[in-house]
Structure formats: C-alpha cells, structure tokens
Amino acid sequence: MKVKEYDFSNAKRGAVVNPPLGTTLINFRIDDEILDWFQAQVNQAGGGNYQTLMNNALREYIEPRENALEGTLRRVIREELQTVTR
C-alpha cells in the first residue's frame, strides 16, 4: 500500500472558512442552564444555530435601551432650547 505524501510548505494556519465580517470570536463562560435552554430552543425549532439565537436575544435587550437614551437626550435638548429662546 502506497502512502501519499502531502506538501504543507505553502500551507497557512487558521480557519478554513473565514467568519463573516462584523463578528468576533471570543471565549467566555456561560451557565450550563442558559446554554442548554438556547440549544433546546434550536432543537425544538428543528435546527439552526444557538449562537445566532443568543445574538438575537442580546440585540433585543440592547436596542430598547439605546432608543431610550436617544429619547432622553432629545427631550433634554428640547427643554434646554426652550429656556434659551425665552
């Protein structure tokens, strides 16, 4: 039986498929119960990616808070402009 020889002299280390732009690979610890819940949600839906589901949940948490800050800033600016124009 012949053994194939592979030439790795021009090979590059790293992922075979690059991650999508706008994403960052991080390592962090998460409670087992939280991870289990997200994975179960994906399994109940018939497939998908639990990481995408976690990203969506975090985004839904963040967006209302960002909008609330914008609303507060607009209100304060309007109030200040009213006192200046009087």
PDB file of N, CA and C in Angstrom:
ATOM      1  N   MET A   1       0.837  -1.171   0.000  1.00  0.00           N
ATOM      2  CA  MET A   1       0.000   0.000   0.000  1.00  0.00           C
ATOM      3  C   MET A   1       0.889   1.243   0.000  1.00  0.00           C
ATOM      4  N   LYS A   2       0.614   2.148  -0.936  1.00  0.00           N
ATOM      5  CA  LYS A   2       1.386   3.375  -1.027  1.00  0.00           C
ATOM      6  C   LYS A   2       0.853   4.395  -0.027  1.00  0.00           C
ATOM      7  N   VAL A   3       1.761   5.138   0.555  1.00  0.00           N
ATOM      8  CA  VAL A   3       1.400   6.226   1.461  1.00  0.00           C
ATOM      9  C   VAL A   3       1.549   7.525   0.691  1.00  0.00           C
ATOM     10  N   LYS A   4       0.476   8.344   0.671  1.00  0.00           N
ATOM     11  CA  LYS A   4       0.539   9.625  -0.033  1.00  0.00           C
ATOM     12  C   LYS A   4       1.378  10.607   0.757  1.00  0.00           C
ATOM     13  N   GLU A   5       2.135  11.387   0.048  1.00  0.00           N
ATOM     14  CA  GLU A   5       2.915  12.444   0.660  1.00  0.00           C
ATOM     15  C   GLU A   5       2.214  13.767   0.393  1.00  0.00           C
ATOM     16  N   TYR A   6       2.045  14.575   1.407  1.00  0.00           N
ATOM     17  CA  TYR A   6       1.419  15.881   1.264  1.00  0.00           C
ATOM     18  C   TYR A   6       2.460  16.966   1.511  1.00  0.00           C
ATOM     19  N   ASP A   7       2.410  17.993   0.686  1.00  0.00           N
ATOM     20  CA  ASP A   7       3.337  19.111   0.812  1.00  0.00           C
ATOM     21  C   ASP A   7       2.623  20.261   1.522  1.00  0.00           C
ATOM     22  N   PHE A   8       3.003  20.547   2.738  1.00  0.00           N
ATOM     23  CA  PHE A   8       2.400  21.624   3.520  1.00  0.00           C
ATOM     24  C   PHE A   8       3.301  22.857   3.582  1.00  0.00           C
ATOM     25  N   SER A   9       4.278  22.948   2.717  1.00  0.00           N
ATOM     26  CA  SER A   9       5.221  24.060   2.793  1.00  0.00           C
ATOM     27  C   SER A   9       4.563  25.408   2.504  1.00  0.00           C
ATOM     28  N   ASN A  10       3.494  25.437   1.729  1.00  0.00           N
ATOM     29  CA  ASN A  10       2.794  26.693   1.416  1.00  0.00           C
ATOM     30  C   ASN A  10       1.477  26.826   2.189  1.00  0.00           C
ATOM     31  N   ALA A  11       1.259  25.974   3.156  1.00  0.00           N
ATOM     32  CA  ALA A  11       0.001  25.991   3.901  1.00  0.00           C
ATOM     33  C   ALA A  11      -0.051  27.173   4.861  1.00  0.00           C
ATOM     34  N   LYS A  12      -1.260  27.600   5.168  1.00  0.00           N
ATOM     35  CA  LYS A  12      -1.472  28.682   6.129  1.00  0.00           C
ATOM     36  C   LYS A  12      -2.263  28.132   7.300  1.00  0.00           C
ATOM     37  N   ARG A  13      -1.922  28.620   8.498  1.00  0.00           N
ATOM     38  CA  ARG A  13      -2.646  28.209   9.689  1.00  0.00           C
ATOM     39  C   ARG A  13      -3.928  29.018   9.811  1.00  0.00           C
ATOM     40  N   GLY A  14      -4.913  28.449  10.455  1.00  0.00           N
ATOM     41  CA  GLY A  14      -6.135  29.199  10.715  1.00  0.00           C
ATOM     42  C   GLY A  14      -7.357  28.477  10.183  1.00  0.00           C
ATOM     43  N   ALA A  15      -8.468  29.178  10.267  1.00  0.00           N
ATOM     44  CA  ALA A  15      -9.741  28.603   9.863  1.00  0.00           C
ATOM     45  C   ALA A  15      -9.775  28.365   8.359  1.00  0.00           C
ATOM     46  N   VAL A  16     -10.452  27.305   7.964  1.00  0.00           N
ATOM     47  CA  VAL A  16     -10.615  27.004   6.550  1.00  0.00           C
ATOM     48  C   VAL A  16     -11.594  28.007   5.937  1.00  0.00           C
ATOM     49  N   VAL A  17     -12.646  28.309   6.667  1.00  0.00           N
ATOM     50  CA  VAL A  17     -13.649  29.278   6.227  1.00  0.00           C
ATOM     51  C   VAL A  17     -13.565  30.471   7.164  1.00  0.00           C
ATOM     52  N   ASN A  18     -13.372  31.641   6.617  1.00  0.00           N
ATOM     53  CA  ASN A  18     -13.300  32.847   7.437  1.00  0.00           C
ATOM     54  C   ASN A  18     -14.678  33.189   7.999  1.00  0.00           C
ATOM     55  N   PRO A  19     -14.720  33.707   9.218  1.00  0.00           N
ATOM     56  CA  PRO A  19     -16.006  34.093   9.798  1.00  0.00           C
ATOM     57  C   PRO A  19     -16.574  35.308   9.071  1.00  0.00           C
ATOM     58  N   PRO A  20     -17.888  35.490   9.151  1.00  0.00           N
ATOM     59  CA  PRO A  20     -18.490  36.648   8.479  1.00  0.00           C
ATOM     60  C   PRO A  20     -17.951  37.956   9.035  1.00  0.00           C
ATOM     61  N   LEU A  21     -17.912  38.979   8.195  1.00  0.00           N
ATOM     62  CA  LEU A  21     -17.477  40.294   8.642  1.00  0.00           C
ATOM     63  C   LEU A  21     -18.420  40.802   9.720  1.00  0.00           C
ATOM     64  N   GLY A  22     -17.881  41.538  10.666  1.00  0.00           N
ATOM     65  CA  GLY A  22     -18.701  42.087  11.738  1.00  0.00           C
ATOM     66  C   GLY A  22     -18.878  41.140  12.910  1.00  0.00           C
ATOM     67  N   THR A  23     -18.186  40.014  12.888  1.00  0.00           N
ATOM     68  CA  THR A  23     -18.246  39.079  14.014  1.00  0.00           C
ATOM     69  C   THR A  23     -16.853  38.916  14.600  1.00  0.00           C
ATOM     70  N   THR A  24     -16.810  38.636  15.889  1.00  0.00           N
ATOM     71  CA  THR A  24     -15.547  38.442  16.589  1.00  0.00           C
ATOM     72  C   THR A  24     -15.619  37.154  17.381  1.00  0.00           C
ATOM     73  N   LEU A  25     -14.596  36.349  17.267  1.00  0.00           N
ATOM     74  CA  LEU A  25     -14.514  35.113  18.031  1.00  0.00           C
ATOM     75  C   LEU A  25     -14.022  35.435  19.432  1.00  0.00           C
ATOM     76  N   ILE A  26     -14.813  35.059  20.438  1.00  0.00           N
ATOM     77  CA  ILE A  26     -14.408  35.241  21.832  1.00  0.00           C
ATOM     78  C   ILE A  26     -14.677  33.951  22.584  1.00  0.00           C
ATOM     79  N   ASN A  27     -14.025  33.811  23.705  1.00  0.00           N
ATOM     80  CA  ASN A  27     -14.288  32.697  24.619  1.00  0.00           C
ATOM     81  C   ASN A  27     -14.799  33.274  25.919  1.00  0.00           C
ATOM     82  N   PHE A  28     -15.929  32.788  26.381  1.00  0.00           N
ATOM     83  CA  PHE A  28     -16.444  33.240  27.664  1.00  0.00           C
ATOM     84  C   PHE A  28     -17.227  32.113  28.306  1.00  0.00           C
ATOM     85  N   ARG A  29     -17.417  32.224  29.582  1.00  0.00           N
ATOM     86  CA  ARG A  29     -18.151  31.206  30.313  1.00  0.00           C
ATOM     87  C   ARG A  29     -19.607  31.618  30.432  1.00  0.00           C
ATOM     88  N   ILE A  30     -20.466  30.626  30.271  1.00  0.00           N
ATOM     89  CA  ILE A  30     -21.907  30.849  30.396  1.00  0.00           C
ATOM     90  C   ILE A  30     -22.476  29.705  31.218  1.00  0.00           C
ATOM     91  N   ASP A  31     -23.484  29.989  32.013  1.00  0.00           N
ATOM     92  CA  ASP A  31     -24.085  28.950  32.847  1.00  0.00           C
ATOM     93  C   ASP A  31     -24.620  27.820  31.980  1.00  0.00           C
ATOM     94  N   ASP A  32     -24.460  26.592  32.461  1.00  0.00           N
ATOM     95  CA  ASP A  32     -24.930  25.422  31.725  1.00  0.00           C
ATOM     96  C   ASP A  32     -26.420  25.514  31.412  1.00  0.00           C
ATOM     97  N   GLU A  33     -27.203  26.000  32.381  1.00  0.00           N
ATOM     98  CA  GLU A  33     -28.652  26.076  32.191  1.00  0.00           C
ATOM     99  C   GLU A  33     -29.013  27.026  31.050  1.00  0.00           C
ATOM    100  N   ILE A  34     -28.268  28.120  30.926  1.00  0.00           N
ATOM    101  CA  ILE A  34     -28.531  29.089  29.860  1.00  0.00           C
ATOM    102  C   ILE A  34     -28.217  28.469  28.508  1.00  0.00           C
ATOM    103  N   LEU A  35     -27.058  27.856  28.393  1.00  0.00           N
ATOM    104  CA  LEU A  35     -26.662  27.227  27.142  1.00  0.00           C
ATOM    105  C   LEU A  35     -27.640  26.112  26.765  1.00  0.00           C
ATOM    106  N   ASP A  36     -28.013  25.292  27.747  1.00  0.00           N
ATOM    107  CA  ASP A  36     -28.969  24.210  27.496  1.00  0.00           C
ATOM    108  C   ASP A  36     -30.287  24.752  26.966  1.00  0.00           C
ATOM    109  N   TRP A  37     -30.749  25.886  27.537  1.00  0.00           N
ATOM    110  CA  TRP A  37     -32.024  26.461  27.115  1.00  0.00           C
ATOM    111  C   TRP A  37     -31.960  26.904  25.654  1.00  0.00           C
ATOM    112  N   PHE A  38     -30.892  27.616  25.283  1.00  0.00           N
ATOM    113  CA  PHE A  38     -30.768  28.089  23.911  1.00  0.00           C
ATOM    114  C   PHE A  38     -30.635  26.924  22.932  1.00  0.00           C
ATOM    115  N   GLN A  39     -29.873  25.906  23.303  1.00  0.00           N
ATOM    116  CA  GLN A  39     -29.734  24.743  22.432  1.00  0.00           C
ATOM    117  C   GLN A  39     -31.064  24.005  22.295  1.00  0.00           C
ATOM    118  N   ALA A  40     -31.830  23.922  23.375  1.00  0.00           N
ATOM    119  CA  ALA A  40     -33.142  23.275  23.315  1.00  0.00           C
ATOM    120  C   ALA A  40     -34.087  24.052  22.411  1.00  0.00           C
ATOM    121  N   GLN A  41     -34.026  25.377  22.449  1.00  0.00           N
ATOM    122  CA  GLN A  41     -34.875  26.196  21.585  1.00  0.00           C
ATOM    123  C   GLN A  41     -34.582  25.917  20.114  1.00  0.00           C
ATOM    124  N   VAL A  42     -33.302  25.782  19.799  1.00  0.00           N
ATOM    125  CA  VAL A  42     -32.911  25.497  18.416  1.00  0.00           C
ATOM    126  C   VAL A  42     -33.384  24.101  18.027  1.00  0.00           C
ATOM    127  N   ASN A  43     -33.236  23.140  18.920  1.00  0.00           N
ATOM    128  CA  ASN A  43     -33.676  21.774  18.625  1.00  0.00           C
ATOM    129  C   ASN A  43     -35.189  21.707  18.432  1.00  0.00           C
ATOM    130  N   GLN A  44     -35.949  22.430  19.262  1.00  0.00           N
ATOM    131  CA  GLN A  44     -37.412  22.440  19.133  1.00  0.00           C
ATOM    132  C   GLN A  44     -37.852  23.079  17.816  1.00  0.00           C
ATOM    133  N   ALA A  45     -37.063  24.028  17.334  1.00  0.00           N
ATOM    134  CA  ALA A  45     -37.388  24.701  16.075  1.00  0.00           C
ATOM    135  C   ALA A  45     -36.992  23.852  14.864  1.00  0.00           C
ATOM    136  N   GLY A  46     -36.332  22.735  15.110  1.00  0.00           N
ATOM    137  CA  GLY A  46     -35.955  21.850  14.015  1.00  0.00           C
ATOM    138  C   GLY A  46     -34.586  22.133  13.432  1.00  0.00           C
ATOM    139  N   GLY A  47     -33.808  22.925  14.138  1.00  0.00           N
ATOM    140  CA  GLY A  47     -32.447  23.200  13.680  1.00  0.00           C
ATOM    141  C   GLY A  47     -32.148  24.674  13.688  1.00  0.00           C
ATOM    142  N   GLY A  48     -30.921  24.982  13.435  1.00  0.00           N
ATOM    143  CA  GLY A  48     -30.475  26.361  13.437  1.00  0.00           C
ATOM    144  C   GLY A  48     -29.178  26.473  14.207  1.00  0.00           C
ATOM    145  N   ASN A  49     -28.926  27.649  14.715  1.00  0.00           N
ATOM    146  CA  ASN A  49     -27.670  27.904  15.394  1.00  0.00           C
ATOM    147  C   ASN A  49     -27.967  28.604  16.715  1.00  0.00           C
ATOM    148  N   TYR A  50     -27.591  27.984  17.811  1.00  0.00           N
ATOM    149  CA  TYR A  50     -27.878  28.572  19.121  1.00  0.00           C
ATOM    150  C   TYR A  50     -27.127  29.875  19.329  1.00  0.00           C
ATOM    151  N   GLN A  51     -25.961  30.027  18.681  1.00  0.00           N
ATOM    152  CA  GLN A  51     -25.202  31.267  18.823  1.00  0.00           C
ATOM    153  C   GLN A  51     -25.937  32.437  18.178  1.00  0.00           C
ATOM    154  N   THR A  52     -26.560  32.188  17.035  1.00  0.00           N
ATOM    155  CA  THR A  52     -27.368  33.220  16.389  1.00  0.00           C
ATOM    156  C   THR A  52     -28.542  33.591  17.275  1.00  0.00           C
ATOM    157  N   LEU A  53     -29.161  32.610  17.892  1.00  0.00           N
ATOM    158  CA  LEU A  53     -30.284  32.861  18.795  1.00  0.00           C
ATOM    159  C   LEU A  53     -29.836  33.701  19.995  1.00  0.00           C
ATOM    160  N   MET A  54     -28.671  33.416  20.530  1.00  0.00           N
ATOM    161  CA  MET A  54     -28.140  34.198  21.646  1.00  0.00           C
ATOM    162  C   MET A  54     -27.834  35.630  21.202  1.00  0.00           C
ATOM    163  N   ASN A  55     -27.265  35.796  20.008  1.00  0.00           N
ATOM    164  CA  ASN A  55     -27.004  37.132  19.476  1.00  0.00           C
ATOM    165  C   ASN A  55     -28.300  37.923  19.348  1.00  0.00           C
ATOM    166  N   ASN A  56     -29.344  37.275  18.819  1.00  0.00           N
ATOM    167  CA  ASN A  56     -30.633  37.945  18.656  1.00  0.00           C
ATOM    168  C   ASN A  56     -31.216  38.362  19.997  1.00  0.00           C
ATOM    169  N   ALA A  57     -31.088  37.511  21.006  1.00  0.00           N
ATOM    170  CA  ALA A  57     -31.602  37.835  22.339  1.00  0.00           C
ATOM    171  C   ALA A  57     -30.851  39.030  22.927  1.00  0.00           C
ATOM    172  N   LEU A  58     -29.550  39.054  22.767  1.00  0.00           N
ATOM    173  CA  LEU A  58     -28.758  40.185  23.263  1.00  0.00           C
ATOM    174  C   LEU A  58     -29.112  41.473  22.522  1.00  0.00           C
ATOM    175  N   ARG A  59     -29.329  41.366  21.221  1.00  0.00           N
ATOM    176  CA  ARG A  59     -29.693  42.538  20.429  1.00  0.00           C
ATOM    177  C   ARG A  59     -31.049  43.093  20.867  1.00  0.00           C
ATOM    178  N   GLU A  60     -32.011  42.207  21.115  1.00  0.00           N
ATOM    179  CA  GLU A  60     -33.331  42.637  21.582  1.00  0.00           C
ATOM    180  C   GLU A  60     -33.240  43.308  22.950  1.00  0.00           C
ATOM    181  N   TYR A  61     -32.306  42.893  23.769  1.00  0.00           N
ATOM    182  CA  TYR A  61     -32.104  43.507  25.080  1.00  0.00           C
ATOM    183  C   TYR A  61     -31.498  44.906  24.941  1.00  0.00           C
ATOM    184  N   ILE A  62     -30.560  45.059  24.014  1.00  0.00           N
ATOM    185  CA  ILE A  62     -29.815  46.309  23.869  1.00  0.00           C
ATOM    186  C   ILE A  62     -30.625  47.401  23.170  1.00  0.00           C
ATOM    187  N   GLU A  63     -31.324  47.065  22.094  1.00  0.00           N
ATOM    188  CA  GLU A  63     -31.968  48.074  21.256  1.00  0.00           C
ATOM    189  C   GLU A  63     -32.921  48.997  22.003  1.00  0.00           C
ATOM    190  N   PRO A  64     -33.821  48.504  22.852  1.00  0.00           N
ATOM    191  CA  PRO A  64     -34.716  49.440  23.548  1.00  0.00           C
ATOM    192  C   PRO A  64     -33.951  50.410  24.446  1.00  0.00           C
ATOM    193  N   ARG A  65     -32.870  49.968  25.019  1.00  0.00           N
ATOM    194  CA  ARG A  65     -32.081  50.831  25.894  1.00  0.00           C
ATOM    195  C   ARG A  65     -31.390  51.936  25.101  1.00  0.00           C
ATOM    196  N   GLU A  66     -30.915  51.617  23.906  1.00  0.00           N
ATOM    197  CA  GLU A  66     -30.293  52.640  23.067  1.00  0.00           C
ATOM    198  C   GLU A  66     -31.329  53.669  22.636  1.00  0.00           C
ATOM    199  N   ASN A  67     -32.518  53.201  22.270  1.00  0.00           N
ATOM    200  CA  ASN A  67     -33.578  54.113  21.858  1.00  0.00           C
ATOM    201  C   ASN A  67     -34.038  54.976  23.021  1.00  0.00           C
ATOM    202  N   ALA A  68     -34.054  54.413  24.216  1.00  0.00           N
ATOM    203  CA  ALA A  68     -34.458  55.184  25.396  1.00  0.00           C
ATOM    204  C   ALA A  68     -33.463  56.309  25.647  1.00  0.00           C
ATOM    205  N   LEU A  69     -32.191  56.054  25.470  1.00  0.00           N
ATOM    206  CA  LEU A  69     -31.176  57.088  25.654  1.00  0.00           C
ATOM    207  C   LEU A  69     -31.363  58.202  24.631  1.00  0.00           C
ATOM    208  N   GLU A  70     -31.628  57.836  23.399  1.00  0.00           N
ATOM    209  CA  GLU A  70     -31.847  58.841  22.359  1.00  0.00           C
ATOM    210  C   GLU A  70     -33.056  59.707  22.695  1.00  0.00           C
ATOM    211  N   GLY A  71     -34.132  59.086  23.140  1.00  0.00           N
ATOM    212  CA  GLY A  71     -35.325  59.841  23.517  1.00  0.00           C
ATOM    213  C   GLY A  71     -35.057  60.797  24.664  1.00  0.00           C
ATOM    214  N   THR A  72     -34.312  60.352  25.655  1.00  0.00           N
ATOM    215  CA  THR A  72     -33.972  61.205  26.796  1.00  0.00           C
ATOM    216  C   THR A  72     -33.125  62.391  26.344  1.00  0.00           C
ATOM    217  N   LEU A  73     -32.144  62.144  25.509  1.00  0.00           N
ATOM    218  CA  LEU A  73     -31.299  63.229  25.008  1.00  0.00           C
ATOM    219  C   LEU A  73     -32.112  64.247  24.215  1.00  0.00           C
ATOM    220  N   ARG A  74     -33.018  63.769  23.374  1.00  0.00           N
ATOM    221  CA  ARG A  74     -33.848  64.689  22.590  1.00  0.00           C
ATOM    222  C   ARG A  74     -34.722  65.554  23.499  1.00  0.00           C
ATOM    223  N   ARG A  75     -35.294  64.943  24.541  1.00  0.00           N
ATOM    224  CA  ARG A  75     -36.146  65.676  25.482  1.00  0.00           C
ATOM    225  C   ARG A  75     -35.350  66.749  26.210  1.00  0.00           C
ATOM    226  N   VAL A  76     -34.170  66.394  26.689  1.00  0.00           N
ATOM    227  CA  VAL A  76     -33.335  67.345  27.418  1.00  0.00           C
ATOM    228  C   VAL A  76     -32.919  68.497  26.502  1.00  0.00           C
ATOM    229  N   ILE A  77     -32.545  68.189  25.275  1.00  0.00           N
ATOM    230  CA  ILE A  77     -32.139  69.244  24.335  1.00  0.00           C
ATOM    231  C   ILE A  77     -33.304  70.176  24.047  1.00  0.00           C
ATOM    232  N   ARG A  78     -34.507  69.623  23.833  1.00  0.00           N
ATOM    233  CA  ARG A  78     -35.682  70.467  23.603  1.00  0.00           C
ATOM    234  C   ARG A  78     -35.946  71.381  24.786  1.00  0.00           C
ATOM    235  N   GLU A  79     -35.865  70.831  25.992  1.00  0.00           N
ATOM    236  CA  GLU A  79     -36.101  71.631  27.200  1.00  0.00           C
ATOM    237  C   GLU A  79     -35.069  72.758  27.316  1.00  0.00           C
ATOM    238  N   GLU A  80     -33.817  72.443  27.037  1.00  0.00           N
ATOM    239  CA  GLU A  80     -32.761  73.450  27.123  1.00  0.00           C
ATOM    240  C   GLU A  80     -32.940  74.523  26.047  1.00  0.00           C
ATOM    241  N   LEU A  81     -33.330  74.119  24.858  1.00  0.00           N
ATOM    242  CA  LEU A  81     -33.553  75.093  23.799  1.00  0.00           C
ATOM    243  C   LEU A  81     -34.710  76.030  24.140  1.00  0.00           C
ATOM    244  N   GLN A  82     -35.731  75.499  24.780  1.00  0.00           N
ATOM    245  CA  GLN A  82     -36.868  76.345  25.183  1.00  0.00           C
ATOM    246  C   GLN A  82     -36.437  77.402  26.193  1.00  0.00           C
ATOM    247  N   THR A  83     -35.582  77.044  27.110  1.00  0.00           N
ATOM    248  CA  THR A  83     -35.145  78.027  28.115  1.00  0.00           C
ATOM    249  C   THR A  83     -34.242  79.083  27.496  1.00  0.00           C
ATOM    250  N   VAL A  84     -33.490  78.742  26.466  1.00  0.00           N
ATOM    251  CA  VAL A  84     -32.592  79.684  25.804  1.00  0.00           C
ATOM    252  C   VAL A  84     -33.389  80.648  24.925  1.00  0.00           C
ATOM    253  N   THR A  85     -34.438  80.178  24.261  1.00  0.00           N
ATOM    254  CA  THR A  85     -35.194  81.009  23.324  1.00  0.00           C
ATOM    255  C   THR A  85     -36.198  81.905  24.014  1.00  0.00           C
ATOM    256  N   ARG A  86     -36.417  81.750  25.310  1.00  0.00           N
ATOM    257  CA  ARG A  86     -37.386  82.582  26.033  1.00  0.00           C
ATOM    258  C   ARG A  86     -36.841  83.931  26.348  1.00  0.00           C
TER     259      ARG A  86
END
